C-alpha atoms as a PDB file:
ATOM      1  CA  MET A   1      -8.019 -29.076 -23.150  1.00  0.00           C
ATOM      2  CA  ARG A   2      -5.061 -29.064 -20.727  1.00  0.00           C
ATOM      3  CA  LYS A   3      -3.318 -26.313 -22.705  1.00  0.00           C
ATOM      4  CA  LEU A   4      -6.451 -24.175 -22.662  1.00  0.00           C
ATOM      5  CA  LEU A   5      -6.880 -24.665 -18.920  1.00  0.00           C
ATOM      6  CA  PHE A   6      -3.205 -23.813 -18.329  1.00  0.00           C
ATOM      7  CA  LEU A   7      -3.496 -20.689 -20.492  1.00  0.00           C
ATOM      8  CA  LEU A   8      -6.608 -19.527 -18.625  1.00  0.00           C
ATOM      9  CA  ALA A   9      -4.904 -20.137 -15.274  1.00  0.00           C
ATOM     10  CA  CYS A  10      -1.880 -18.068 -16.379  1.00  0.00           C
ATOM     11  CA  PHE A  11      -4.144 -15.260 -17.590  1.00  0.00           C
ATOM     12  CA  PHE A  12      -6.019 -15.273 -14.276  1.00  0.00           C
ATOM     13  CA  LEU A  13      -2.824 -15.101 -12.209  1.00  0.00           C
ATOM     14  CA  ALA A  14      -1.428 -12.304 -14.386  1.00  0.00           C
ATOM     15  CA  SER A  15      -4.622 -10.287 -14.051  1.00  0.00           C
ATOM     16  CA  ILE A  16      -4.466 -10.539 -10.244  1.00  0.00           C
ATOM     17  CA  GLY A  17      -0.989  -9.022 -10.348  1.00  0.00           C
ATOM     18  CA  LEU A  18      -2.152  -6.184 -12.577  1.00  0.00           C
ATOM     19  CA  VAL A  19      -5.140  -5.371 -10.398  1.00  0.00           C
ATOM     20  CA  SER A  20      -3.056  -5.079  -7.235  1.00  0.00           C
ATOM     21  CA  ALA A  21      -0.505  -2.698  -8.798  1.00  0.00           C
ATOM     22  CA  GLN A  22      -0.924   1.043  -9.122  1.00  0.00           C
ATOM     23  CA  VAL A  23       0.847   3.725 -11.129  1.00  0.00           C
ATOM     24  CA  VAL A  24       2.239   6.604  -9.079  1.00  0.00           C
ATOM     25  CA  SER A  25       3.471   9.823 -10.689  1.00  0.00           C
ATOM     26  CA  GLY A  26       5.144  12.736  -8.991  1.00  0.00           C
ATOM     27  CA  LYS A  27       7.726  15.482  -9.081  1.00  0.00           C
ATOM     28  CA  VAL A  28      10.848  15.800  -6.928  1.00  0.00           C
ATOM     29  CA  ILE A  29      11.609  19.398  -5.964  1.00  0.00           C
ATOM     30  CA  SER A  30      14.170  21.075  -3.734  1.00  0.00           C
ATOM     31  CA  ASP A  31      12.904  22.161  -0.323  1.00  0.00           C
ATOM     32  CA  GLU A  32      15.232  25.185  -0.405  1.00  0.00           C
ATOM     33  CA  ASP A  33      14.192  26.875  -3.653  1.00  0.00           C
ATOM     34  CA  GLY A  34      11.303  24.789  -5.069  1.00  0.00           C
ATOM     35  CA  GLU A  35      13.247  23.938  -8.229  1.00  0.00           C
ATOM     36  CA  PRO A  36      12.849  20.453  -9.807  1.00  0.00           C
ATOM     37  CA  ILE A  37      15.646  17.956  -9.185  1.00  0.00           C
ATOM     38  CA  ALA A  38      16.694  16.136 -12.365  1.00  0.00           C
ATOM     39  CA  GLY A  39      18.421  12.792 -11.862  1.00  0.00           C
ATOM     40  CA  ALA A  40      17.075  11.999  -8.393  1.00  0.00           C
ATOM     41  CA  THR A  41      16.446   8.312  -7.698  1.00  0.00           C
ATOM     42  CA  VAL A  42      12.961   7.288  -6.538  1.00  0.00           C
ATOM     43  CA  MET A  43      12.994   3.748  -5.131  1.00  0.00           C
ATOM     44  CA  ILE A  44      10.377   1.538  -3.493  1.00  0.00           C
ATOM     45  CA  LYS A  45      11.769   0.752  -0.044  1.00  0.00           C
ATOM     46  CA  GLY A  46      12.891  -2.846   0.392  1.00  0.00           C
ATOM     47  CA  THR A  47      12.875  -3.613  -3.355  1.00  0.00           C
ATOM     48  CA  ARG A  48      15.064  -3.070  -6.388  1.00  0.00           C
ATOM     49  CA  THR A  49      12.302  -1.160  -8.194  1.00  0.00           C
ATOM     50  CA  ALA A  50      13.518   2.359  -8.915  1.00  0.00           C
ATOM     51  CA  ILE A  51      13.418   5.143 -11.482  1.00  0.00           C
ATOM     52  CA  ILE A  52      15.380   8.339 -12.117  1.00  0.00           C
ATOM     53  CA  THR A  53      13.573  11.659 -12.464  1.00  0.00           C
ATOM     54  CA  ASP A  54      13.579  13.461 -15.830  1.00  0.00           C
ATOM     55  CA  VAL A  55      14.901  17.006 -16.473  1.00  0.00           C
ATOM     56  CA  ASN A  56      11.723  18.452 -14.933  1.00  0.00           C
ATOM     57  CA  GLY A  57      12.004  16.297 -11.796  1.00  0.00           C
ATOM     58  CA  LYS A  58       9.030  14.138 -12.853  1.00  0.00           C
ATOM     59  CA  PHE A  59       8.689  10.361 -12.526  1.00  0.00           C
ATOM     60  CA  THR A  60       6.132   7.582 -13.035  1.00  0.00           C
ATOM     61  CA  LEU A  61       6.495   4.253 -11.249  1.00  0.00           C
ATOM     62  CA  ASN A  62       4.423   1.047 -11.083  1.00  0.00           C
ATOM     63  CA  VAL A  63       3.937   0.236  -7.415  1.00  0.00           C
ATOM     64  CA  PRO A  64       2.719  -3.145  -6.131  1.00  0.00           C
ATOM     65  CA  GLY A  65      -0.283  -2.801  -3.830  1.00  0.00           C
ATOM     66  CA  THR A  66       1.649  -4.012  -0.785  1.00  0.00           C
ATOM     67  CA  GLU A  67       4.428  -1.409  -0.938  1.00  0.00           C
ATOM     68  CA  LYS A  68       3.988   1.701   1.202  1.00  0.00           C
ATOM     69  CA  THR A  69       7.169   3.842   1.131  1.00  0.00           C
ATOM     70  CA  PHE A  70       9.373   5.617  -1.440  1.00  0.00           C
ATOM     71  CA  VAL A  71      13.008   6.487  -0.763  1.00  0.00           C
ATOM     72  CA  VAL A  72      14.235   9.525  -2.710  1.00  0.00           C
ATOM     73  CA  THR A  73      17.998  10.033  -3.020  1.00  0.00           C
ATOM     74  CA  PHE A  74      20.238  12.507  -4.798  1.00  0.00           C
ATOM     75  CA  ILE A  75      23.982  13.140  -4.614  1.00  0.00           C
ATOM     76  CA  GLY A  76      24.830  15.702  -1.941  1.00  0.00           C
ATOM     77  CA  MET A  77      21.391  15.576  -0.319  1.00  0.00           C
ATOM     78  CA  LYS A  78      20.031  13.591   2.612  1.00  0.00           C
ATOM     79  CA  PRO A  79      17.783  10.624   1.569  1.00  0.00           C
ATOM     80  CA  ILE A  80      14.121  11.050   2.431  1.00  0.00           C
ATOM     81  CA  GLU A  81      11.383   8.448   2.931  1.00  0.00           C
ATOM     82  CA  ILE A  82       7.877   9.308   1.692  1.00  0.00           C
ATOM     83  CA  PRO A  83       4.741   7.199   2.295  1.00  0.00           C
ATOM     84  CA  VAL A  84       2.938   6.226  -0.911  1.00  0.00           C
END
């Protein structure tokens, strides 16, 4: 009975974490010519959660419900902060 109760409690806590997260997809493009930027880093500000864009500048990132800002960086360009 204790193991079943523990398992149910773990499942409940895990489901709360899944409900509060969201998946955000996007595309990083150059402001100058509108071309996609491959290899740009998209990071959730204040965390270590990050992803690198693909060859088409696209990314998909799981974002906790409490996070509000992305930081996009690329070599030779100024970092930019974008609200989620």
